[in-house]
C-alpha atoms as a PDB file:
ATOM      1  CA  MET A   1      20.914  -3.230  20.446  1.00  0.00           C
ATOM      2  CA  ALA A   2      18.210  -1.033  20.227  1.00  0.00           C
ATOM      3  CA  GLY A   3      15.688  -1.195  16.808  1.00  0.00           C
ATOM      4  CA  VAL A   4      15.851   1.472  14.394  1.00  0.00           C
ATOM      5  CA  MET A   5      12.679   2.778  12.494  1.00  0.00           C
ATOM      6  CA  ALA A   6      12.700   5.119   9.411  1.00  0.00           C
ATOM      7  CA  SER A   7       9.809   6.406   7.445  1.00  0.00           C
ATOM      8  CA  ILE A   8       9.268   7.523   3.494  1.00  0.00           C
ATOM      9  CA  ILE A   9       6.137   9.542   3.246  1.00  0.00           C
ATOM     10  CA  TRP A  10       4.817  10.420  -0.265  1.00  0.00           C
ATOM     11  CA  LYS A  11       2.105  12.511  -1.148  1.00  0.00           C
ATOM     12  CA  GLY A  12       0.632  12.493  -4.758  1.00  0.00           C
ATOM     13  CA  PRO A  13      -1.549  11.414  -7.648  1.00  0.00           C
ATOM     14  CA  LYS A  14      -3.633   7.791  -7.403  1.00  0.00           C
ATOM     15  CA  LYS A  15      -1.973   6.440 -10.668  1.00  0.00           C
ATOM     16  CA  ARG A  16       1.507   7.474  -9.900  1.00  0.00           C
ATOM     17  CA  GLY A  17       1.398   6.184  -6.238  1.00  0.00           C
ATOM     18  CA  GLU A  18       0.702   3.036  -7.478  1.00  0.00           C
ATOM     19  CA  ALA A  19       3.058   2.946  -9.813  1.00  0.00           C
ATOM     20  CA  LEU A  20       5.778   3.678  -7.064  1.00  0.00           C
ATOM     21  CA  LEU A  21       3.940   1.121  -4.595  1.00  0.00           C
ATOM     22  CA  ALA A  22       4.543  -1.702  -7.390  1.00  0.00           C
ATOM     23  CA  ALA A  23       8.319  -0.462  -7.823  1.00  0.00           C
ATOM     24  CA  ILE A  24       8.833  -1.473  -4.349  1.00  0.00           C
ATOM     25  CA  CYS A  25       6.850  -4.360  -3.083  1.00  0.00           C
ATOM     26  CA  PRO A  26       8.617  -7.364  -5.232  1.00  0.00           C
ATOM     27  CA  ASP A  27      11.709  -5.996  -2.821  1.00  0.00           C
ATOM     28  CA  ASP A  28      12.613  -7.457   0.722  1.00  0.00           C
ATOM     29  CA  PRO A  29       8.772  -6.813   2.157  1.00  0.00           C
ATOM     30  CA  GLU A  30       9.983  -8.360   5.673  1.00  0.00           C
ATOM     31  CA  ASP A  31      12.033  -5.285   6.258  1.00  0.00           C
ATOM     32  CA  PHE A  32       9.887  -2.717   5.529  1.00  0.00           C
ATOM     33  CA  SER A  33       5.541  -2.038   5.842  1.00  0.00           C
ATOM     34  CA  VAL A  34       3.955  -0.072   3.170  1.00  0.00           C
ATOM     35  CA  GLU A  35       0.598   1.170   3.107  1.00  0.00           C
ATOM     36  CA  LEU A  36      -1.244   3.179   0.432  1.00  0.00           C
ATOM     37  CA  GLU A  37      -4.068   5.478   1.701  1.00  0.00           C
ATOM     38  CA  TYR A  38      -6.674   6.869  -0.731  1.00  0.00           C
ATOM     39  CA  ASP A  39      -8.024  10.953  -0.545  1.00  0.00           C
ATOM     40  CA  ASN A  40     -10.118  11.761  -3.398  1.00  0.00           C
ATOM     41  CA  GLN A  41      -7.622  11.884  -6.306  1.00  0.00           C
ATOM     42  CA  ASP A  42      -4.290  11.881  -4.117  1.00  0.00           C
ATOM     43  CA  VAL A  43      -2.800   8.808  -2.215  1.00  0.00           C
ATOM     44  CA  LEU A  44      -0.475   8.917   0.801  1.00  0.00           C
ATOM     45  CA  LEU A  45       2.731   6.524   0.493  1.00  0.00           C
ATOM     46  CA  SER A  46       3.770   5.433   3.802  1.00  0.00           C
ATOM     47  CA  ILE A  47       7.008   3.077   3.792  1.00  0.00           C
ATOM     48  CA  VAL A  48       8.143   2.298   7.257  1.00  0.00           C
ATOM     49  CA  ILE A  49      11.626   0.241   7.594  1.00  0.00           C
ATOM     50  CA  SER A  50      12.413  -1.863  10.841  1.00  0.00           C
ATOM     51  CA  SER A  51      15.551  -2.891  11.339  1.00  0.00           C
ATOM     52  CA  GLU A  52      17.998  -3.972  14.014  1.00  0.00           C
ATOM     53  CA  GLY A  53      20.765  -1.152  13.534  1.00  0.00           C
ATOM     54  CA  LEU A  54      21.351   2.193  11.682  1.00  0.00           C
ATOM     55  CA  GLY A  55      23.914   0.169   8.523  1.00  0.00           C
ATOM     56  CA  GLN A  56      20.983  -2.003   7.901  1.00  0.00           C
ATOM     57  CA  SER A  57      18.468   0.965   8.100  1.00  0.00           C
ATOM     58  CA  ARG A  58      20.724   3.004   5.796  1.00  0.00           C
ATOM     59  CA  VAL A  59      20.837   0.471   3.452  1.00  0.00           C
ATOM     60  CA  ALA A  60      17.540  -0.464   3.428  1.00  0.00           C
ATOM     61  CA  VAL A  61      16.292   3.232   3.013  1.00  0.00           C
ATOM     62  CA  ASP A  62      18.738   3.588   0.211  1.00  0.00           C
ATOM     63  CA  ASP A  63      17.397   1.056  -1.740  1.00  0.00           C
ATOM     64  CA  ILE A  64      13.920   1.743  -1.693  1.00  0.00           C
ATOM     65  CA  LEU A  65      14.659   5.216  -2.475  1.00  0.00           C
ATOM     66  CA  ALA A  66      16.511   4.054  -5.503  1.00  0.00           C
ATOM     67  CA  CYS A  67      13.746   1.988  -6.559  1.00  0.00           C
ATOM     68  CA  LEU A  68      11.234   4.613  -5.958  1.00  0.00           C
ATOM     69  CA  ALA A  69      13.567   7.456  -8.025  1.00  0.00           C
ATOM     70  CA  ALA A  70      14.002   4.744 -10.949  1.00  0.00           C
ATOM     71  CA  ALA A  71      10.334   4.254 -11.012  1.00  0.00           C
ATOM     72  CA  GLU A  72       9.317   8.196 -10.998  1.00  0.00           C
ATOM     73  CA  SER A  73      12.271   8.863 -13.465  1.00  0.00           C
ATOM     74  CA  GLY A  74      10.307   6.702 -15.948  1.00  0.00           C
ATOM     75  CA  LEU A  75       7.093   8.056 -14.749  1.00  0.00           C
ATOM     76  CA  ASP A  76       8.515  11.080 -15.816  1.00  0.00           C
ATOM     77  CA  SER A  77       9.549  10.234 -19.083  1.00  0.00           C
ATOM     78  CA  LEU A  78       6.208   8.946 -20.259  1.00  0.00           C
ATOM     79  CA  GLU A  79       4.886  12.254 -19.698  1.00  0.00           C
END
């Protein structure tokens, strides 16, 4: 079976990027890799999901997006 790779890329303020990163770090780290690149006041959050099939990849992407959305919603309520 061929492998599947999906990427989620987010760019924005440093503090928000670090908070989003913290929201997903405890999840299954063997299913994805995360990189946070700093560029002055902004950061680029790159998440790469690798799996053996589309179904497995979809579940991982859904989980990560749900964590990111919940974190972003919480951050929005604080502003």
